[in-house]
Amino acid sequence: MAEVAANQKRYPWEFWLVVGMLIALLILILAILLPSIPKPDVSLLPEGQRAITFQNVLDYNSLMLASRKDILSIIIAAFGAWVGAGAAYFFGRENLRVAADSLLAMRDLSPKERLRRTSIKQIPPAPIDWTVKRSTKVSEVKDTLTQRPERWFVPVVKEDGALETVVNEEAVWRFLIDKIPSTDANEGDRKKYTDATVGDLLEYIDKTETLKRFNQIHVTVPMDTNVGTANDLMDSRHVFLAIVTSEGKPTHFLTTSEVRKLLLQE
């Protein structure tokens, strides 16, 4: 961005050409006007006519001023044409650029262009403040989902904090309902149900064909990705959730709901 801003502030070579011509014209004008007019040399005149009279000085100065005026006229005429041509080219091109930018600004952006021009951090995405590991008990996940009804997905991370998968909350409830011990179950079965972990949940999902759609319900994107790319990834995977990762670790998330809100903004 800094490089783009620097290029926008840099003047083109035509501008500096016009400035250079004006400086050269100013130097030539000063070189002609500033030197004082030398006194007339009467040594070549006959002895009787060597006396300098006011009329002689006036005629001599008039002659010198006329020659300087002629030189100035030639220089100004030549440089005037060059400077005028350069200035007309520069300002004409600038006017055309401004007019083109105005026309582009007036043109409405298509939804796809708006998504492409908006980065994820401009939305901004919601932070992920809750993750679980394979060793986390399913009962703890149940308690969190019960206390925070707005949570509808469970991000599962590895021991080093890197994202492993994301599970829909529906899989948790189905696991708990399917694995609930019967009334005549022994203590061992009850303890196994109570101590069930997220690892057991993931194995249960893999073994149940109808529940596989509740696992890997996301796509991963970096923070500097534009919303259009994230939306295309979600659409290709038929999912509604994008997890923003940094060095493989989940930090934020956005859904197709945020994409729709962006499109509805004026």
C-alpha atoms as a PDB file:
ATOM      1  CA  MET A   1       0.000   0.000   0.000  1.00  0.00           C
ATOM      2  CA  ALA A   2       2.837   2.378   0.841  1.00  0.00           C
ATOM      3  CA  GLU A   3       4.393   1.729  -2.566  1.00  0.00           C
ATOM      4  CA  VAL A   4       1.088   2.466  -4.328  1.00  0.00           C
ATOM      5  CA  ALA A   5       0.690   5.723  -2.384  1.00  0.00           C
ATOM      6  CA  ALA A   6       4.263   6.756  -3.282  1.00  0.00           C
ATOM      7  CA  ASN A   7       3.607   6.092  -6.979  1.00  0.00           C
ATOM      8  CA  GLN A   8       0.414   8.181  -6.852  1.00  0.00           C
ATOM      9  CA  LYS A   9       2.297  11.149  -5.333  1.00  0.00           C
ATOM     10  CA  ARG A  10       5.178  10.950  -7.823  1.00  0.00           C
ATOM     11  CA  TYR A  11       4.849  13.461 -10.666  1.00  0.00           C
ATOM     12  CA  PRO A  12       5.324  12.188 -14.241  1.00  0.00           C
ATOM     13  CA  TRP A  13       8.314  13.211 -16.331  1.00  0.00           C
ATOM     14  CA  GLU A  14       6.193  15.619 -18.411  1.00  0.00           C
ATOM     15  CA  PHE A  15       5.623  17.748 -15.320  1.00  0.00           C
ATOM     16  CA  TRP A  16       9.342  17.986 -14.580  1.00  0.00           C
ATOM     17  CA  LEU A  17      10.030  18.770 -18.257  1.00  0.00           C
ATOM     18  CA  VAL A  18       7.696  21.774 -18.052  1.00  0.00           C
ATOM     19  CA  VAL A  19       9.302  22.883 -14.779  1.00  0.00           C
ATOM     20  CA  GLY A  20      12.771  22.541 -16.329  1.00  0.00           C
ATOM     21  CA  MET A  21      11.767  24.641 -19.339  1.00  0.00           C
ATOM     22  CA  LEU A  22      10.376  27.382 -17.101  1.00  0.00           C
ATOM     23  CA  ILE A  23      13.557  27.436 -15.010  1.00  0.00           C
ATOM     24  CA  ALA A  24      15.711  27.604 -18.157  1.00  0.00           C
ATOM     25  CA  LEU A  25      13.553  30.452 -19.515  1.00  0.00           C
ATOM     26  CA  LEU A  26      13.881  32.358 -16.223  1.00  0.00           C
ATOM     27  CA  ILE A  27      17.669  31.939 -16.212  1.00  0.00           C
ATOM     28  CA  LEU A  28      17.966  33.206 -19.819  1.00  0.00           C
ATOM     29  CA  ILE A  29      15.754  36.216 -19.101  1.00  0.00           C
ATOM     30  CA  LEU A  30      17.801  37.147 -16.022  1.00  0.00           C
ATOM     31  CA  ALA A  31      21.052  36.682 -17.960  1.00  0.00           C
ATOM     32  CA  ILE A  32      19.842  39.164 -20.568  1.00  0.00           C
ATOM     33  CA  LEU A  33      18.247  41.771 -18.285  1.00  0.00           C
ATOM     34  CA  LEU A  34      20.511  41.876 -15.250  1.00  0.00           C
ATOM     35  CA  PRO A  35      23.896  42.821 -16.801  1.00  0.00           C
ATOM     36  CA  SER A  36      24.342  46.607 -16.934  1.00  0.00           C
ATOM     37  CA  ILE A  37      24.654  48.359 -20.310  1.00  0.00           C
ATOM     38  CA  PRO A  38      28.349  49.168 -20.938  1.00  0.00           C
ATOM     39  CA  LYS A  39      29.406  52.713 -21.716  1.00  0.00           C
ATOM     40  CA  PRO A  40      29.888  53.517 -25.410  1.00  0.00           C
ATOM     41  CA  ASP A  41      33.459  53.185 -26.733  1.00  0.00           C
ATOM     42  CA  VAL A  42      34.405  56.513 -28.414  1.00  0.00           C
ATOM     43  CA  SER A  43      38.038  55.661 -29.048  1.00  0.00           C
ATOM     44  CA  LEU A  44      37.265  54.773 -32.633  1.00  0.00           C
ATOM     45  CA  LEU A  45      35.632  58.108 -33.371  1.00  0.00           C
ATOM     46  CA  PRO A  46      37.516  61.112 -34.751  1.00  0.00           C
ATOM     47  CA  GLU A  47      39.105  63.335 -32.124  1.00  0.00           C
ATOM     48  CA  GLY A  48      36.646  66.089 -32.640  1.00  0.00           C
ATOM     49  CA  GLN A  49      33.667  63.787 -32.069  1.00  0.00           C
ATOM     50  CA  ARG A  50      34.914  61.882 -29.019  1.00  0.00           C
ATOM     51  CA  ALA A  51      32.988  63.987 -26.533  1.00  0.00           C
ATOM     52  CA  ILE A  52      30.177  61.898 -24.985  1.00  0.00           C
ATOM     53  CA  THR A  53      26.954  63.808 -25.166  1.00  0.00           C
ATOM     54  CA  PHE A  54      23.603  62.964 -23.622  1.00  0.00           C
ATOM     55  CA  GLN A  55      22.186  62.317 -27.063  1.00  0.00           C
ATOM     56  CA  ASN A  56      24.992  59.852 -27.854  1.00  0.00           C
ATOM     57  CA  VAL A  57      24.392  57.925 -24.630  1.00  0.00           C
ATOM     58  CA  LEU A  58      20.661  57.920 -25.222  1.00  0.00           C
ATOM     59  CA  ASP A  59      21.073  56.620 -28.771  1.00  0.00           C
ATOM     60  CA  TYR A  60      23.530  53.965 -27.634  1.00  0.00           C
ATOM     61  CA  ASN A  61      21.276  52.757 -24.806  1.00  0.00           C
ATOM     62  CA  SER A  62      18.302  52.647 -27.118  1.00  0.00           C
ATOM     63  CA  LEU A  63      20.289  50.504 -29.543  1.00  0.00           C
ATOM     64  CA  MET A  64      21.403  48.086 -26.795  1.00  0.00           C
ATOM     65  CA  LEU A  65      17.896  47.833 -25.337  1.00  0.00           C
ATOM     66  CA  ALA A  66      16.471  47.161 -28.782  1.00  0.00           C
ATOM     67  CA  SER A  67      18.929  44.308 -29.312  1.00  0.00           C
ATOM     68  CA  ARG A  68      18.076  42.829 -25.911  1.00  0.00           C
ATOM     69  CA  LYS A  69      14.382  43.178 -26.689  1.00  0.00           C
ATOM     70  CA  ASP A  70      14.842  41.288 -29.934  1.00  0.00           C
ATOM     71  CA  ILE A  71      16.736  38.507 -28.167  1.00  0.00           C
ATOM     72  CA  LEU A  72      14.044  38.290 -25.465  1.00  0.00           C
ATOM     73  CA  SER A  73      11.312  38.153 -28.094  1.00  0.00           C
ATOM     74  CA  ILE A  74      13.029  35.227 -29.832  1.00  0.00           C
ATOM     75  CA  ILE A  75      13.623  33.320 -26.565  1.00  0.00           C
ATOM     76  CA  ILE A  76      10.127  33.901 -25.207  1.00  0.00           C
ATOM     77  CA  ALA A  77       8.559  32.894 -28.523  1.00  0.00           C
ATOM     78  CA  ALA A  78      10.589  29.678 -28.705  1.00  0.00           C
ATOM     79  CA  PHE A  79      10.187  28.685 -25.065  1.00  0.00           C
ATOM     80  CA  GLY A  80       6.563  29.794 -25.032  1.00  0.00           C
ATOM     81  CA  ALA A  81       5.722  27.253 -27.715  1.00  0.00           C
ATOM     82  CA  TRP A  82       7.683  24.469 -25.979  1.00  0.00           C
ATOM     83  CA  VAL A  83       6.321  25.190 -22.507  1.00  0.00           C
ATOM     84  CA  GLY A  84       2.801  25.580 -23.849  1.00  0.00           C
ATOM     85  CA  ALA A  85       2.963  22.246 -25.649  1.00  0.00           C
ATOM     86  CA  GLY A  86       4.370  20.471 -22.595  1.00  0.00           C
ATOM     87  CA  ALA A  87       1.841  22.048 -20.225  1.00  0.00           C
ATOM     88  CA  ALA A  88      -1.050  21.262 -22.580  1.00  0.00           C
ATOM     89  CA  TYR A  89       0.041  17.618 -22.780  1.00  0.00           C
ATOM     90  CA  PHE A  90       0.495  17.282 -19.002  1.00  0.00           C
ATOM     91  CA  PHE A  91      -2.702  19.026 -17.910  1.00  0.00           C
ATOM     92  CA  GLY A  92      -4.706  17.432 -20.702  1.00  0.00           C
ATOM     93  CA  ARG A  93      -3.640  13.984 -19.584  1.00  0.00           C
ATOM     94  CA  GLU A  94      -4.365  14.839 -15.942  1.00  0.00           C
ATOM     95  CA  ASN A  95      -7.854  16.054 -16.853  1.00  0.00           C
ATOM     96  CA  LEU A  96      -8.500  12.867 -18.794  1.00  0.00           C
ATOM     97  CA  ARG A  97      -7.312  10.743 -15.854  1.00  0.00           C
ATOM     98  CA  VAL A  98      -9.517  12.626 -13.392  1.00  0.00           C
ATOM     99  CA  ALA A  99     -12.512  12.304 -15.697  1.00  0.00           C
ATOM    100  CA  ALA A 100     -11.898   8.568 -16.122  1.00  0.00           C
ATOM    101  CA  ASP A 101     -11.578   8.078 -12.352  1.00  0.00           C
ATOM    102  CA  SER A 102     -14.814   9.969 -11.813  1.00  0.00           C
ATOM    103  CA  LEU A 103     -16.654   7.803 -14.325  1.00  0.00           C
ATOM    104  CA  LEU A 104     -15.298   4.644 -12.685  1.00  0.00           C
ATOM    105  CA  ALA A 105     -16.293   5.917  -9.248  1.00  0.00           C
ATOM    106  CA  MET A 106     -19.824   6.606 -10.476  1.00  0.00           C
ATOM    107  CA  ARG A 107     -20.160   3.103 -11.844  1.00  0.00           C
ATOM    108  CA  ASP A 108     -21.784   0.714  -9.361  1.00  0.00           C
ATOM    109  CA  LEU A 109     -19.591  -2.204  -8.313  1.00  0.00           C
ATOM    110  CA  SER A 110     -20.949  -5.663  -8.956  1.00  0.00           C
ATOM    111  CA  PRO A 111     -21.423  -7.899  -5.889  1.00  0.00           C
ATOM    112  CA  LYS A 112     -18.448 -10.028  -6.890  1.00  0.00           C
ATOM    113  CA  GLU A 113     -16.202  -6.947  -7.288  1.00  0.00           C
ATOM    114  CA  ARG A 114     -17.285  -5.649  -3.875  1.00  0.00           C
ATOM    115  CA  LEU A 115     -16.350  -8.974  -2.268  1.00  0.00           C
ATOM    116  CA  ARG A 116     -13.022  -9.044  -4.106  1.00  0.00           C
ATOM    117  CA  ARG A 117     -12.138  -5.543  -2.912  1.00  0.00           C
ATOM    118  CA  THR A 118     -12.941  -6.229   0.745  1.00  0.00           C
ATOM    119  CA  SER A 119     -10.432  -8.081   2.916  1.00  0.00           C
ATOM    120  CA  ILE A 120     -11.568 -10.282   5.775  1.00  0.00           C
ATOM    121  CA  LYS A 121     -10.062  -7.954   8.374  1.00  0.00           C
ATOM    122  CA  GLN A 122     -12.318  -5.124   7.106  1.00  0.00           C
ATOM    123  CA  ILE A 123     -15.512  -6.965   8.134  1.00  0.00           C
ATOM    124  CA  PRO A 124     -14.083  -7.696  10.839  1.00  0.00           C
ATOM    125  CA  PRO A 125     -14.352 -11.423  11.689  1.00  0.00           C
ATOM    126  CA  ALA A 126     -15.396 -12.628  15.149  1.00  0.00           C
ATOM    127  CA  PRO A 127     -12.615 -13.948  17.417  1.00  0.00           C
ATOM    128  CA  ILE A 128     -12.480 -17.620  18.406  1.00  0.00           C
ATOM    129  CA  ASP A 129     -12.321 -17.699  22.194  1.00  0.00           C
ATOM    130  CA  TRP A 130     -13.060 -21.389  22.718  1.00  0.00           C
ATOM    131  CA  THR A 131     -11.362 -24.531  21.434  1.00  0.00           C
ATOM    132  CA  VAL A 132     -11.242 -28.165  22.551  1.00  0.00           C
ATOM    133  CA  LYS A 133      -8.795 -31.050  22.185  1.00  0.00           C
ATOM    134  CA  ARG A 134      -9.328 -34.755  21.647  1.00  0.00           C
ATOM    135  CA  SER A 135      -8.786 -35.279  25.370  1.00  0.00           C
ATOM    136  CA  THR A 136     -11.569 -32.823  26.327  1.00  0.00           C
ATOM    137  CA  LYS A 137     -14.627 -34.545  27.772  1.00  0.00           C
ATOM    138  CA  VAL A 138     -17.823 -34.408  25.756  1.00  0.00           C
ATOM    139  CA  SER A 139     -19.676 -33.454  28.932  1.00  0.00           C
ATOM    140  CA  GLU A 140     -17.612 -30.250  29.101  1.00  0.00           C
ATOM    141  CA  VAL A 141     -18.463 -29.501  25.475  1.00  0.00           C
ATOM    142  CA  LYS A 142     -22.138 -30.099  26.290  1.00  0.00           C
ATOM    143  CA  ASP A 143     -22.001 -27.669  29.212  1.00  0.00           C
ATOM    144  CA  THR A 144     -20.411 -24.957  27.069  1.00  0.00           C
ATOM    145  CA  LEU A 145     -22.953 -25.394  24.272  1.00  0.00           C
ATOM    146  CA  THR A 146     -25.776 -25.261  26.817  1.00  0.00           C
ATOM    147  CA  GLN A 147     -24.468 -22.109  28.483  1.00  0.00           C
ATOM    148  CA  ARG A 148     -23.702 -20.361  25.193  1.00  0.00           C
ATOM    149  CA  PRO A 149     -26.537 -21.135  22.755  1.00  0.00           C
ATOM    150  CA  GLU A 150     -24.938 -18.935  20.045  1.00  0.00           C
ATOM    151  CA  ARG A 151     -22.118 -21.474  19.672  1.00  0.00           C
ATOM    152  CA  TRP A 152     -23.034 -23.866  16.898  1.00  0.00           C
ATOM    153  CA  PHE A 153     -19.649 -25.349  16.023  1.00  0.00           C
ATOM    154  CA  VAL A 154     -16.826 -26.931  18.005  1.00  0.00           C
ATOM    155  CA  PRO A 155     -13.229 -26.145  16.894  1.00  0.00           C
ATOM    156  CA  VAL A 156     -10.944 -29.071  17.690  1.00  0.00           C
ATOM    157  CA  VAL A 157      -7.215 -28.320  17.936  1.00  0.00           C
ATOM    158  CA  LYS A 158      -4.126 -30.478  18.292  1.00  0.00           C
ATOM    159  CA  GLU A 159      -1.811 -30.412  21.279  1.00  0.00           C
ATOM    160  CA  ASP A 160       0.260 -27.609  19.708  1.00  0.00           C
ATOM    161  CA  GLY A 161      -2.852 -25.481  19.113  1.00  0.00           C
ATOM    162  CA  ALA A 162      -3.058 -26.104  15.350  1.00  0.00           C
ATOM    163  CA  LEU A 163      -6.560 -26.602  13.970  1.00  0.00           C
ATOM    164  CA  GLU A 164      -7.524 -30.247  13.403  1.00  0.00           C
ATOM    165  CA  THR A 165     -11.198 -30.086  12.507  1.00  0.00           C
ATOM    166  CA  VAL A 166     -14.462 -28.286  13.211  1.00  0.00           C
ATOM    167  CA  VAL A 167     -17.561 -30.212  14.306  1.00  0.00           C
ATOM    168  CA  ASN A 168     -21.161 -29.084  14.124  1.00  0.00           C
ATOM    169  CA  GLU A 169     -22.923 -29.064  17.508  1.00  0.00           C
ATOM    170  CA  GLU A 170     -25.591 -31.373  16.062  1.00  0.00           C
ATOM    171  CA  ALA A 171     -23.058 -34.219  16.118  1.00  0.00           C
ATOM    172  CA  VAL A 172     -22.483 -33.670  19.852  1.00  0.00           C
ATOM    173  CA  TRP A 173     -26.172 -33.922  20.690  1.00  0.00           C
ATOM    174  CA  ARG A 174     -26.644 -37.013  18.525  1.00  0.00           C
ATOM    175  CA  PHE A 175     -23.630 -38.675  20.149  1.00  0.00           C
ATOM    176  CA  LEU A 176     -24.967 -37.967  23.634  1.00  0.00           C
ATOM    177  CA  ILE A 177     -28.446 -39.236  22.741  1.00  0.00           C
ATOM    178  CA  ASP A 178     -27.181 -42.367  20.982  1.00  0.00           C
ATOM    179  CA  LYS A 179     -24.633 -43.295  23.668  1.00  0.00           C
ATOM    180  CA  ILE A 180     -26.792 -42.569  26.717  1.00  0.00           C
ATOM    181  CA  PRO A 181     -26.763 -45.704  28.915  1.00  0.00           C
ATOM    182  CA  SER A 182     -29.980 -47.589  29.551  1.00  0.00           C
ATOM    183  CA  THR A 183     -31.610 -47.711  32.959  1.00  0.00           C
ATOM    184  CA  ASP A 184     -30.193 -51.181  33.648  1.00  0.00           C
ATOM    185  CA  ALA A 185     -26.631 -50.312  32.532  1.00  0.00           C
ATOM    186  CA  ASN A 186     -23.824 -51.160  34.916  1.00  0.00           C
ATOM    187  CA  GLU A 187     -21.506 -48.672  36.547  1.00  0.00           C
ATOM    188  CA  GLY A 188     -18.776 -49.268  33.961  1.00  0.00           C
ATOM    189  CA  ASP A 189     -21.020 -48.304  31.064  1.00  0.00           C
ATOM    190  CA  ARG A 190     -22.223 -45.223  32.914  1.00  0.00           C
ATOM    191  CA  LYS A 191     -18.631 -44.161  33.646  1.00  0.00           C
ATOM    192  CA  LYS A 192     -17.651 -44.761  30.014  1.00  0.00           C
ATOM    193  CA  TYR A 193     -20.482 -42.461  28.946  1.00  0.00           C
ATOM    194  CA  THR A 194     -19.522 -39.808  31.482  1.00  0.00           C
ATOM    195  CA  ASP A 195     -15.817 -39.937  30.596  1.00  0.00           C
ATOM    196  CA  ALA A 196     -16.348 -39.906  26.808  1.00  0.00           C
ATOM    197  CA  THR A 197     -13.930 -37.521  25.082  1.00  0.00           C
ATOM    198  CA  VAL A 198     -13.934 -35.503  21.892  1.00  0.00           C
ATOM    199  CA  GLY A 199     -11.701 -38.237  20.436  1.00  0.00           C
ATOM    200  CA  ASP A 200     -14.518 -40.736  21.015  1.00  0.00           C
ATOM    201  CA  LEU A 201     -16.913 -38.291  19.373  1.00  0.00           C
ATOM    202  CA  LEU A 202     -14.723 -38.008  16.249  1.00  0.00           C
ATOM    203  CA  GLU A 203     -14.451 -41.821  16.002  1.00  0.00           C
ATOM    204  CA  TYR A 204     -18.218 -42.065  16.341  1.00  0.00           C
ATOM    205  CA  ILE A 205     -18.698 -39.550  13.509  1.00  0.00           C
ATOM    206  CA  ASP A 206     -16.274 -41.421  11.228  1.00  0.00           C
ATOM    207  CA  LYS A 207     -18.119 -44.707  11.812  1.00  0.00           C
ATOM    208  CA  THR A 208     -21.584 -43.206  11.273  1.00  0.00           C
ATOM    209  CA  GLU A 209     -22.186 -42.402   7.623  1.00  0.00           C
ATOM    210  CA  THR A 210     -25.074 -40.015   8.300  1.00  0.00           C
ATOM    211  CA  LEU A 211     -22.948 -37.905  10.669  1.00  0.00           C
ATOM    212  CA  LYS A 212     -19.913 -37.346   8.451  1.00  0.00           C
ATOM    213  CA  ARG A 213     -21.500 -34.189   7.103  1.00  0.00           C
ATOM    214  CA  PHE A 214     -21.188 -32.691  10.596  1.00  0.00           C
ATOM    215  CA  ASN A 215     -17.373 -32.976  10.545  1.00  0.00           C
ATOM    216  CA  GLN A 216     -14.954 -30.753   8.594  1.00  0.00           C
ATOM    217  CA  ILE A 217     -17.668 -28.135   8.151  1.00  0.00           C
ATOM    218  CA  HIS A 218     -15.221 -25.340   7.398  1.00  0.00           C
ATOM    219  CA  VAL A 219     -12.538 -23.906   5.150  1.00  0.00           C
ATOM    220  CA  THR A 220      -9.349 -22.244   6.414  1.00  0.00           C
ATOM    221  CA  VAL A 221      -8.137 -18.864   5.161  1.00  0.00           C
ATOM    222  CA  PRO A 222      -5.482 -16.329   6.271  1.00  0.00           C
ATOM    223  CA  MET A 223      -6.529 -12.918   7.556  1.00  0.00           C
ATOM    224  CA  ASP A 224      -5.329 -11.035   4.444  1.00  0.00           C
ATOM    225  CA  THR A 225      -7.620 -13.057   2.138  1.00  0.00           C
ATOM    226  CA  ASN A 226     -10.421 -11.102   0.482  1.00  0.00           C
ATOM    227  CA  VAL A 227     -14.024 -11.979   1.223  1.00  0.00           C
ATOM    228  CA  GLY A 228     -14.652 -13.052  -2.380  1.00  0.00           C
ATOM    229  CA  THR A 229     -12.005 -15.780  -2.201  1.00  0.00           C
ATOM    230  CA  ALA A 230     -13.292 -16.995   1.170  1.00  0.00           C
ATOM    231  CA  ASN A 231     -16.850 -17.081  -0.181  1.00  0.00           C
ATOM    232  CA  ASP A 232     -15.758 -19.040  -3.264  1.00  0.00           C
ATOM    233  CA  LEU A 233     -13.991 -21.593  -1.036  1.00  0.00           C
ATOM    234  CA  MET A 234     -17.076 -22.019   1.155  1.00  0.00           C
ATOM    235  CA  ASP A 235     -19.260 -22.385  -1.913  1.00  0.00           C
ATOM    236  CA  SER A 236     -16.959 -25.021  -3.444  1.00  0.00           C
ATOM    237  CA  ARG A 237     -17.045 -27.068  -0.226  1.00  0.00           C
ATOM    238  CA  HIS A 238     -20.782 -26.444   0.362  1.00  0.00           C
ATOM    239  CA  VAL A 239     -20.083 -25.122   3.871  1.00  0.00           C
ATOM    240  CA  PHE A 240     -21.030 -21.942   5.692  1.00  0.00           C
ATOM    241  CA  LEU A 241     -17.992 -21.379   7.919  1.00  0.00           C
ATOM    242  CA  ALA A 242     -14.501 -19.999   7.242  1.00  0.00           C
ATOM    243  CA  ILE A 243     -11.872 -20.278   9.984  1.00  0.00           C
ATOM    244  CA  VAL A 244      -9.145 -17.621   9.933  1.00  0.00           C
ATOM    245  CA  THR A 245      -5.825 -19.147  10.948  1.00  0.00           C
ATOM    246  CA  SER A 246      -2.428 -17.739  11.809  1.00  0.00           C
ATOM    247  CA  GLU A 247       0.449 -20.226  11.599  1.00  0.00           C
ATOM    248  CA  GLY A 248      -2.139 -23.000  11.526  1.00  0.00           C
ATOM    249  CA  LYS A 249      -3.880 -21.865  14.739  1.00  0.00           C
ATOM    250  CA  PRO A 250      -7.515 -20.667  14.641  1.00  0.00           C
ATOM    251  CA  THR A 251      -7.963 -17.012  15.595  1.00  0.00           C
ATOM    252  CA  HIS A 252     -11.221 -15.762  14.025  1.00  0.00           C
ATOM    253  CA  PHE A 253     -14.166 -16.965  11.974  1.00  0.00           C
ATOM    254  CA  LEU A 254     -16.754 -15.653   9.536  1.00  0.00           C
ATOM    255  CA  THR A 255     -19.814 -17.176   7.975  1.00  0.00           C
ATOM    256  CA  THR A 256     -21.893 -16.662   4.874  1.00  0.00           C
ATOM    257  CA  SER A 257     -24.102 -14.433   7.043  1.00  0.00           C
ATOM    258  CA  GLU A 258     -21.322 -11.812   7.169  1.00  0.00           C
ATOM    259  CA  VAL A 259     -20.948 -12.093   3.393  1.00  0.00           C
ATOM    260  CA  ARG A 260     -24.656 -11.366   2.894  1.00  0.00           C
ATOM    261  CA  LYS A 261     -24.476  -8.390   5.250  1.00  0.00           C
ATOM    262  CA  LEU A 262     -21.559  -6.993   3.256  1.00  0.00           C
ATOM    263  CA  LEU A 263     -23.507  -7.303   0.008  1.00  0.00           C
ATOM    264  CA  LEU A 264     -26.506  -5.519   1.538  1.00  0.00           C
ATOM    265  CA  GLN A 265     -24.450  -2.546   2.675  1.00  0.00           C
ATOM    266  CA  GLU A 266     -24.864   0.596   0.555  1.00  0.00           C
END
